[in-house]
Amino acid sequence: MPSDPGTSTSTLQTSPGDSVLDEGFAVAMLPRRSFGAHKWSVGGVVIVAGGPGYIGAAALSAMAAGRAGAGVINVAVPRGAMTAIVALVPEAAFIPLPESDLESSTSRVGEAISAKLAKSKAAVVGPGLGEDDYADALMRTLFGRAGARRSGSVGFRSIGEDDQSPDRDAGAGLIGSDVPTVIDADGLNWLAKQPEWWKFARPGTLVLTPHVGEMSRLTGKSAEEILSDPAEQSRDAARVWRQTVVLKHGHSIATDGERAYVSGDIALSLATGGSGDVLAGTIGAFLAQGVSPLEAAGLGLYLGTRAARRVEERFGVLGLTASDLPKAIAEEIAFVERKREAERG
């Protein structure tokens, strides 16, 4: 494994109470399997992703979830996408969705996803989902907002006295209730269009994984303002939303607004399409195995960066593609497992 953290103009800055992600963290937090474990006890994950034109996003998330230890992977995609995905991820099972006109079948779709979520321990929503009416109807179904229509971007504000308690319908949907869920990509873009979306999700149930552009849409702040202090902007957002936030930029940070894990390394090779889908699937797998949201996010960041370094040894910085990452993540997990066993003697 290369030890050189690479060339970067970014300076690692931390605040009191922040922890820099390292091997010791991974050794302590990586899930363990116990005697008698089976695929459902290990943890099932439901992935809702992969709209037209972005089928690969669902496949990448599913590949990563499997390589990170999820016991069962159910992928909710339109029927026409299933053949392509199963060719890439033969281990995956599917929740077939209609090809079009989701509005007329939201009840049936909700029941199908609910049945799998009831047996699963985590979900991933958003990679490659799209931003059309179909995706809007699906997201409203997932969040229990079937009667609410899409709206314009509403921006960001601080919580006041009246905002400290969730609304009556917080947690009323399939997502944002009991099942910890990673929200990525188009899932984030949908949230950005919902007024005070954090009021219809229970605190501590979501892991949001925005890049700077998505963070700008979610908060209503400019990219320049976010980049002026990415870590503090992430903490502020996590406190307002009462969720875990992973800002993917430079020394990426995972925070719940109180504690934070900061990536000590910057792998520039990860600036490639699909790497965020892999991260979402990896975090989802750790959530499914019982790791808490903040620690699952930290593990995803650390192992993803170390996996990128492994790939760079073979293909260099420019040659990495997202599909290289799931197996490299599994190799890094194996390295951490061996390290843990050696420390136990």
Protein backbone atom coordinates (compact mmCIF):
# COMPACT_ATOMS: atom_id res chain seq x y z
CA MET A 1 0.00 0.00 0.00
CA PRO A 2 1.37 3.45 -0.86
CA SER A 3 1.96 5.71 2.10
CA ASP A 4 2.30 8.96 0.17
CA PRO A 5 -0.96 10.88 0.66
CA GLY A 6 -0.57 12.45 -2.75
CA THR A 7 -0.19 16.00 -3.91
CA SER A 8 -2.89 18.43 -2.86
CA THR A 9 -3.16 22.13 -2.20
CA SER A 10 -5.81 21.53 0.47
CA THR A 11 -4.75 21.89 4.09
CA LEU A 12 -6.15 19.53 6.68
CA GLN A 13 -7.96 21.58 9.30
CA THR A 14 -9.74 20.14 12.30
CA SER A 15 -11.71 21.51 15.22
CA PRO A 16 -11.68 20.34 18.84
CA GLY A 17 -13.44 17.00 19.04
CA ASP A 18 -12.81 16.10 15.40
CA SER A 19 -11.11 12.79 14.62
CA VAL A 20 -8.90 12.15 11.60
CA LEU A 21 -9.81 8.84 9.99
CA ASP A 22 -7.05 6.27 10.26
CA GLU A 23 -6.37 2.55 10.39
CA GLY A 24 -7.10 2.38 14.11
CA PHE A 25 -10.59 3.73 13.51
CA ALA A 26 -11.24 1.12 10.82
CA VAL A 27 -9.96 -1.71 13.04
CA ALA A 28 -12.27 -0.62 15.85
CA MET A 29 -15.39 0.03 13.77
CA LEU A 30 -15.34 -2.65 11.07
CA PRO A 31 -18.26 -5.06 11.63
CA ARG A 32 -17.64 -8.56 12.96
CA ARG A 33 -19.68 -11.64 12.14
CA SER A 34 -20.68 -13.96 14.94
CA PHE A 35 -21.25 -17.71 15.01
CA GLY A 36 -24.51 -18.70 13.35
CA ALA A 37 -24.71 -15.58 11.14
CA HIS A 38 -26.92 -15.83 8.06
CA LYS A 39 -27.62 -13.44 5.22
CA TRP A 40 -30.56 -11.66 6.85
CA SER A 41 -28.94 -11.41 10.27
CA VAL A 42 -25.82 -9.94 8.65
CA GLY A 43 -28.03 -7.22 7.22
CA GLY A 44 -30.11 -6.62 4.13
CA VAL A 45 -30.03 -3.35 2.19
CA VAL A 46 -32.59 -1.95 -0.25
CA ILE A 47 -31.21 0.24 -3.05
CA VAL A 48 -33.59 2.57 -4.91
CA ALA A 49 -31.58 3.94 -7.81
CA GLY A 50 -30.82 3.81 -11.52
CA GLY A 51 -33.26 5.77 -13.63
CA PRO A 52 -33.13 5.77 -17.45
CA GLY A 53 -29.65 6.62 -18.65
CA TYR A 54 -28.07 5.91 -15.28
CA ILE A 55 -28.60 2.20 -14.77
CA GLY A 56 -24.92 1.80 -13.91
CA ALA A 57 -25.38 3.89 -10.75
CA ALA A 58 -27.63 1.22 -9.25
CA ALA A 59 -25.19 -1.51 -10.25
CA LEU A 60 -22.21 0.31 -8.71
CA SER A 61 -24.05 0.87 -5.43
CA ALA A 62 -25.10 -2.78 -5.32
CA MET A 63 -21.58 -4.02 -6.12
CA ALA A 64 -20.15 -1.86 -3.35
CA ALA A 65 -22.78 -2.95 -0.82
CA GLY A 66 -21.96 -6.60 -1.48
CA ARG A 67 -18.21 -6.11 -1.23
CA ALA A 68 -18.66 -4.17 2.02
CA GLY A 69 -20.51 -7.05 3.67
CA ALA A 70 -24.26 -6.60 3.16
CA GLY A 71 -25.94 -9.99 3.45
CA VAL A 72 -28.83 -9.38 1.05
CA ILE A 73 -29.13 -6.70 -1.63
CA ASN A 74 -32.51 -5.77 -3.11
CA VAL A 75 -32.43 -3.26 -5.97
CA ALA A 76 -35.60 -1.32 -6.84
CA VAL A 77 -35.45 -0.36 -10.52
CA PRO A 78 -37.78 -0.35 -13.54
CA ARG A 79 -38.18 -3.83 -14.99
CA GLY A 80 -36.25 -2.97 -18.12
CA ALA A 81 -33.09 -2.26 -16.12
CA MET A 82 -33.00 -5.57 -14.29
CA THR A 83 -31.28 -7.61 -17.01
CA ALA A 84 -28.39 -5.18 -17.36
CA ILE A 85 -27.84 -4.94 -13.61
CA VAL A 86 -28.01 -8.67 -12.91
CA ALA A 87 -25.27 -9.20 -15.52
CA LEU A 88 -23.00 -6.99 -13.41
CA VAL A 89 -24.26 -7.99 -9.94
CA PRO A 90 -25.61 -11.55 -10.12
CA GLU A 91 -25.99 -11.65 -6.33
CA ALA A 92 -28.63 -8.90 -6.37
CA ALA A 93 -32.35 -9.52 -6.00
CA PHE A 94 -34.86 -7.07 -7.43
CA ILE A 95 -37.97 -5.08 -6.64
CA PRO A 96 -39.44 -4.54 -10.10
CA LEU A 97 -40.88 -1.07 -10.67
CA PRO A 98 -43.18 -0.07 -13.53
CA GLU A 99 -41.52 1.45 -16.60
CA SER A 100 -43.73 4.53 -16.59
CA ASP A 101 -46.82 6.15 -15.03
CA LEU A 102 -45.79 5.56 -11.46
CA GLU A 103 -48.59 7.87 -10.26
CA SER A 104 -51.20 5.19 -10.98
CA SER A 105 -49.36 2.49 -9.06
CA THR A 106 -47.75 4.27 -6.10
CA SER A 107 -49.66 2.13 -3.60
CA ARG A 108 -48.45 -1.11 -5.18
CA VAL A 109 -44.90 0.19 -5.48
CA GLY A 110 -44.90 1.33 -1.86
CA GLU A 111 -46.13 -2.07 -0.70
CA ALA A 112 -43.43 -3.89 -2.69
CA ILE A 113 -40.62 -1.75 -1.31
CA SER A 114 -42.09 -1.82 2.19
CA ALA A 115 -42.10 -5.62 2.21
CA LYS A 116 -38.35 -5.72 1.53
CA LEU A 117 -37.55 -2.87 3.91
CA ALA A 118 -39.34 -4.74 6.69
CA LYS A 119 -36.72 -7.50 6.44
CA SER A 120 -33.79 -5.19 5.74
CA LYS A 121 -31.73 -3.01 8.04
CA ALA A 122 -30.72 -0.14 5.75
CA ALA A 123 -31.48 1.57 2.45
CA VAL A 124 -29.73 3.63 -0.21
CA VAL A 125 -31.82 6.10 -2.20
CA GLY A 126 -30.96 8.35 -5.10
CA PRO A 127 -27.96 7.30 -7.22
CA GLY A 128 -28.83 7.88 -10.88
CA LEU A 129 -32.53 8.20 -10.07
CA GLY A 130 -33.16 11.19 -12.33
CA GLU A 131 -35.20 14.33 -11.71
CA ASP A 132 -38.28 13.74 -13.85
CA ASP A 133 -41.89 13.21 -12.79
CA TYR A 134 -41.29 9.48 -12.34
CA ALA A 135 -38.46 10.09 -9.86
CA ASP A 136 -40.54 12.73 -8.07
CA ALA A 137 -43.46 10.32 -7.65
CA LEU A 138 -41.11 7.59 -6.38
CA MET A 139 -39.45 9.90 -3.84
CA ARG A 140 -42.80 11.17 -2.60
CA THR A 141 -43.92 7.59 -2.14
CA LEU A 142 -40.79 6.72 -0.18
CA PHE A 143 -41.08 9.73 2.11
CA GLY A 144 -44.83 9.41 2.65
CA ARG A 145 -45.52 12.64 0.76
CA ALA A 146 -47.74 11.22 -1.98
CA GLY A 147 -50.15 14.15 -1.68
CA ALA A 148 -47.41 16.77 -1.85
CA ARG A 149 -46.28 18.18 -5.18
CA ARG A 150 -42.79 19.23 -6.13
CA SER A 151 -41.83 22.80 -5.35
CA GLY A 152 -38.98 25.15 -6.03
CA SER A 153 -35.72 25.29 -4.13
CA VAL A 154 -36.23 26.72 -0.66
CA GLY A 155 -32.73 27.21 0.66
CA PHE A 156 -31.34 26.99 4.14
CA ARG A 157 -32.06 28.62 7.45
CA SER A 158 -31.20 28.10 11.09
CA ILE A 159 -33.54 26.27 13.42
CA GLY A 160 -35.60 28.50 15.65
CA GLU A 161 -37.60 27.83 18.77
CA ASP A 162 -40.53 26.42 16.82
CA ASP A 163 -38.37 23.96 14.86
CA GLN A 164 -36.94 21.83 17.60
CA SER A 165 -39.62 19.12 17.40
CA PRO A 166 -40.45 17.17 14.24
CA ASP A 167 -43.84 17.68 12.63
CA ARG A 168 -46.62 15.19 13.28
CA ASP A 169 -45.80 13.30 10.08
CA ALA A 170 -42.06 12.99 10.71
CA GLY A 171 -41.09 9.42 10.00
CA ALA A 172 -44.45 8.64 8.37
CA GLY A 173 -42.81 7.38 5.18
CA LEU A 174 -40.83 4.27 4.33
CA ILE A 175 -37.67 6.39 4.39
CA GLY A 176 -36.86 8.77 7.23
CA SER A 177 -38.44 6.49 9.82
CA ASP A 178 -36.99 3.31 11.32
CA VAL A 179 -34.62 2.20 8.57
CA PRO A 180 -31.31 4.13 8.43
CA THR A 181 -30.87 5.39 4.90
CA VAL A 182 -28.17 6.92 2.70
CA ILE A 183 -29.52 9.72 0.50
CA ASP A 184 -27.28 10.48 -2.47
CA ALA A 185 -27.27 12.28 -5.82
CA ASP A 186 -30.79 12.79 -7.21
CA GLY A 187 -32.26 11.90 -3.85
CA LEU A 188 -30.51 14.99 -2.49
CA ASN A 189 -31.67 17.09 -5.42
CA TRP A 190 -35.25 16.07 -4.64
CA LEU A 191 -34.87 17.00 -0.97
CA ALA A 192 -33.52 20.40 -1.99
CA LYS A 193 -36.90 21.15 -3.63
CA GLN A 194 -38.96 20.24 -0.54
CA PRO A 195 -39.70 23.05 1.94
CA GLU A 196 -38.21 22.17 5.34
CA TRP A 197 -37.74 18.54 4.30
CA TRP A 198 -35.95 17.73 7.55
CA LYS A 199 -39.28 18.06 9.37
CA PHE A 200 -40.62 14.89 7.76
CA ALA A 201 -37.65 12.71 8.65
CA ARG A 202 -36.87 11.52 12.14
CA PRO A 203 -33.60 12.89 13.53
CA GLY A 204 -30.62 10.60 13.11
CA THR A 205 -32.15 8.38 10.43
CA LEU A 206 -30.43 9.72 7.30
CA VAL A 207 -26.87 9.94 5.98
CA LEU A 208 -26.69 12.64 3.31
CA THR A 209 -23.70 12.50 0.95
CA PRO A 210 -23.56 15.75 -1.09
CA HIS A 211 -20.75 17.13 -3.17
CA VAL A 212 -20.36 20.92 -3.14
CA GLY A 213 -22.96 21.52 -5.87
CA GLU A 214 -25.56 19.38 -4.11
CA MET A 215 -24.71 21.03 -0.79
CA SER A 216 -25.31 24.40 -2.42
CA ARG A 217 -28.74 23.34 -3.62
CA LEU A 218 -29.64 21.87 -0.24
CA THR A 219 -28.59 24.93 1.75
CA GLY A 220 -29.25 27.75 -0.70
CA LYS A 221 -25.70 28.94 -0.13
CA SER A 222 -23.23 29.60 -2.91
CA ALA A 223 -20.44 27.16 -3.65
CA GLU A 224 -17.98 29.89 -2.70
CA GLU A 225 -19.55 30.27 0.74
CA ILE A 226 -19.46 26.52 1.31
CA LEU A 227 -15.85 26.29 0.18
CA SER A 228 -14.84 29.13 2.50
CA ASP A 229 -15.13 26.64 5.40
CA PRO A 230 -16.44 23.24 4.22
CA ALA A 231 -16.14 21.58 7.61
CA GLU A 232 -18.08 24.24 9.51
CA GLN A 233 -20.70 24.47 6.76
CA SER A 234 -21.19 20.70 7.09
CA ARG A 235 -21.55 20.91 10.86
CA ASP A 236 -24.10 23.72 10.57
CA ALA A 237 -26.16 21.75 8.07
CA ALA A 238 -26.05 18.59 10.19
CA ARG A 239 -27.25 20.54 13.22
CA VAL A 240 -30.15 22.12 11.34
CA TRP A 241 -31.21 18.90 9.62
CA ARG A 242 -30.46 16.69 12.67
CA GLN A 243 -28.91 14.13 10.35
CA THR A 244 -25.43 12.90 9.41
CA VAL A 245 -23.80 14.84 6.58
CA VAL A 246 -20.90 13.67 4.44
CA LEU A 247 -19.46 16.53 2.38
CA LYS A 248 -17.37 15.11 -0.45
CA HIS A 249 -14.68 17.70 -1.06
CA GLY A 250 -10.96 17.80 -0.35
CA HIS A 251 -10.50 16.42 3.14
CA SER A 252 -14.03 15.03 3.13
CA ILE A 253 -15.90 15.22 6.42
CA ALA A 254 -18.63 13.15 8.06
CA THR A 255 -20.45 14.90 10.88
CA ASP A 256 -23.65 14.77 12.91
CA GLY A 257 -23.19 18.40 13.96
CA GLU A 258 -21.51 17.48 17.25
CA ARG A 259 -18.80 15.00 16.32
CA ALA A 260 -16.91 14.75 13.07
CA TYR A 261 -14.57 12.40 11.21
CA VAL A 262 -12.23 14.00 8.70
CA SER A 263 -10.39 12.22 5.89
CA GLY A 264 -6.67 12.73 6.31
CA ASP A 265 -6.00 11.76 2.71
CA ILE A 266 -7.20 13.13 -0.60
CA ALA A 267 -7.30 10.66 -3.48
CA LEU A 268 -7.69 12.79 -6.60
CA SER A 269 -8.40 9.63 -8.57
CA LEU A 270 -11.88 9.60 -7.01
CA ALA A 271 -12.85 12.58 -9.18
CA THR A 272 -14.60 10.24 -11.59
CA GLY A 273 -18.20 9.42 -12.40
CA GLY A 274 -19.72 6.72 -10.20
CA SER A 275 -17.39 7.01 -7.22
CA GLY A 276 -20.20 8.61 -5.21
CA ASP A 277 -22.50 5.69 -6.06
CA VAL A 278 -19.87 3.32 -4.67
CA LEU A 279 -19.54 5.38 -1.48
CA ALA A 280 -23.31 5.36 -0.98
CA GLY A 281 -23.48 1.58 -1.36
CA THR A 282 -20.54 1.09 1.00
CA ILE A 283 -22.07 3.24 3.74
CA GLY A 284 -25.40 1.50 3.24
CA ALA A 285 -23.76 -1.89 3.78
CA PHE A 286 -22.24 -0.77 7.07
CA LEU A 287 -25.57 0.66 8.23
CA ALA A 288 -27.14 -2.71 7.42
CA GLN A 289 -24.57 -4.41 9.62
CA GLY A 290 -25.48 -2.28 12.61
CA VAL A 291 -22.80 0.41 12.46
CA SER A 292 -24.13 3.79 13.64
CA PRO A 293 -24.69 6.42 10.92
CA LEU A 294 -21.71 8.63 11.74
CA GLU A 295 -19.29 5.71 12.10
CA ALA A 296 -20.66 4.04 8.95
CA ALA A 297 -20.02 7.25 7.05
CA GLY A 298 -16.49 7.47 8.45
CA LEU A 299 -15.77 3.87 7.45
CA GLY A 300 -17.06 4.53 3.95
CA LEU A 301 -14.79 7.55 3.56
CA TYR A 302 -11.71 5.86 4.95
CA LEU A 303 -12.03 2.57 3.08
CA GLY A 304 -13.00 4.28 -0.15
CA THR A 305 -9.90 6.44 -0.09
CA ARG A 306 -7.62 3.53 0.78
CA ALA A 307 -9.24 1.48 -1.98
CA ALA A 308 -8.51 4.27 -4.45
CA ARG A 309 -4.86 4.19 -3.40
CA ARG A 310 -4.79 0.44 -4.11
CA VAL A 311 -6.20 1.01 -7.59
CA GLU A 312 -3.71 3.82 -8.23
CA GLU A 313 -0.87 1.33 -7.74
CA ARG A 314 -2.06 -0.47 -10.88
CA PHE A 315 -3.69 2.19 -13.02
CA GLY A 316 -2.45 5.53 -11.72
CA VAL A 317 -4.55 8.54 -10.78
CA LEU A 318 -6.05 9.08 -14.22
CA GLY A 319 -6.83 5.43 -14.91
CA LEU A 320 -9.18 4.69 -11.99
CA THR A 321 -12.82 4.03 -12.81
CA ALA A 322 -15.61 3.57 -10.29
CA SER A 323 -16.07 -0.09 -11.17
CA ASP A 324 -12.50 -0.71 -9.93
CA LEU A 325 -13.45 0.34 -6.43
CA PRO A 326 -15.77 -2.35 -4.98
CA LYS A 327 -13.17 -5.15 -5.18
CA ALA A 328 -10.48 -2.80 -3.91
CA ILE A 329 -12.71 -1.93 -0.96
CA ALA A 330 -13.07 -5.64 -0.22
CA GLU A 331 -9.28 -5.99 -0.35
CA GLU A 332 -8.87 -3.11 2.07
CA ILE A 333 -11.48 -4.65 4.38
CA ALA A 334 -9.51 -7.91 4.29
CA PHE A 335 -6.37 -5.98 5.22
CA VAL A 336 -8.16 -4.42 8.21
CA GLU A 337 -9.57 -7.80 9.27
CA ARG A 338 -6.09 -9.35 9.24
CA LYS A 339 -4.74 -6.39 11.18
CA ARG A 340 -7.45 -6.81 13.80
CA GLU A 341 -6.76 -10.53 14.15
CA ALA A 342 -3.03 -9.87 14.52
CA GLU A 343 -3.70 -7.34 17.29
CA ARG A 344 -5.83 -9.90 19.12
CA GLY A 345 -2.90 -12.27 19.01
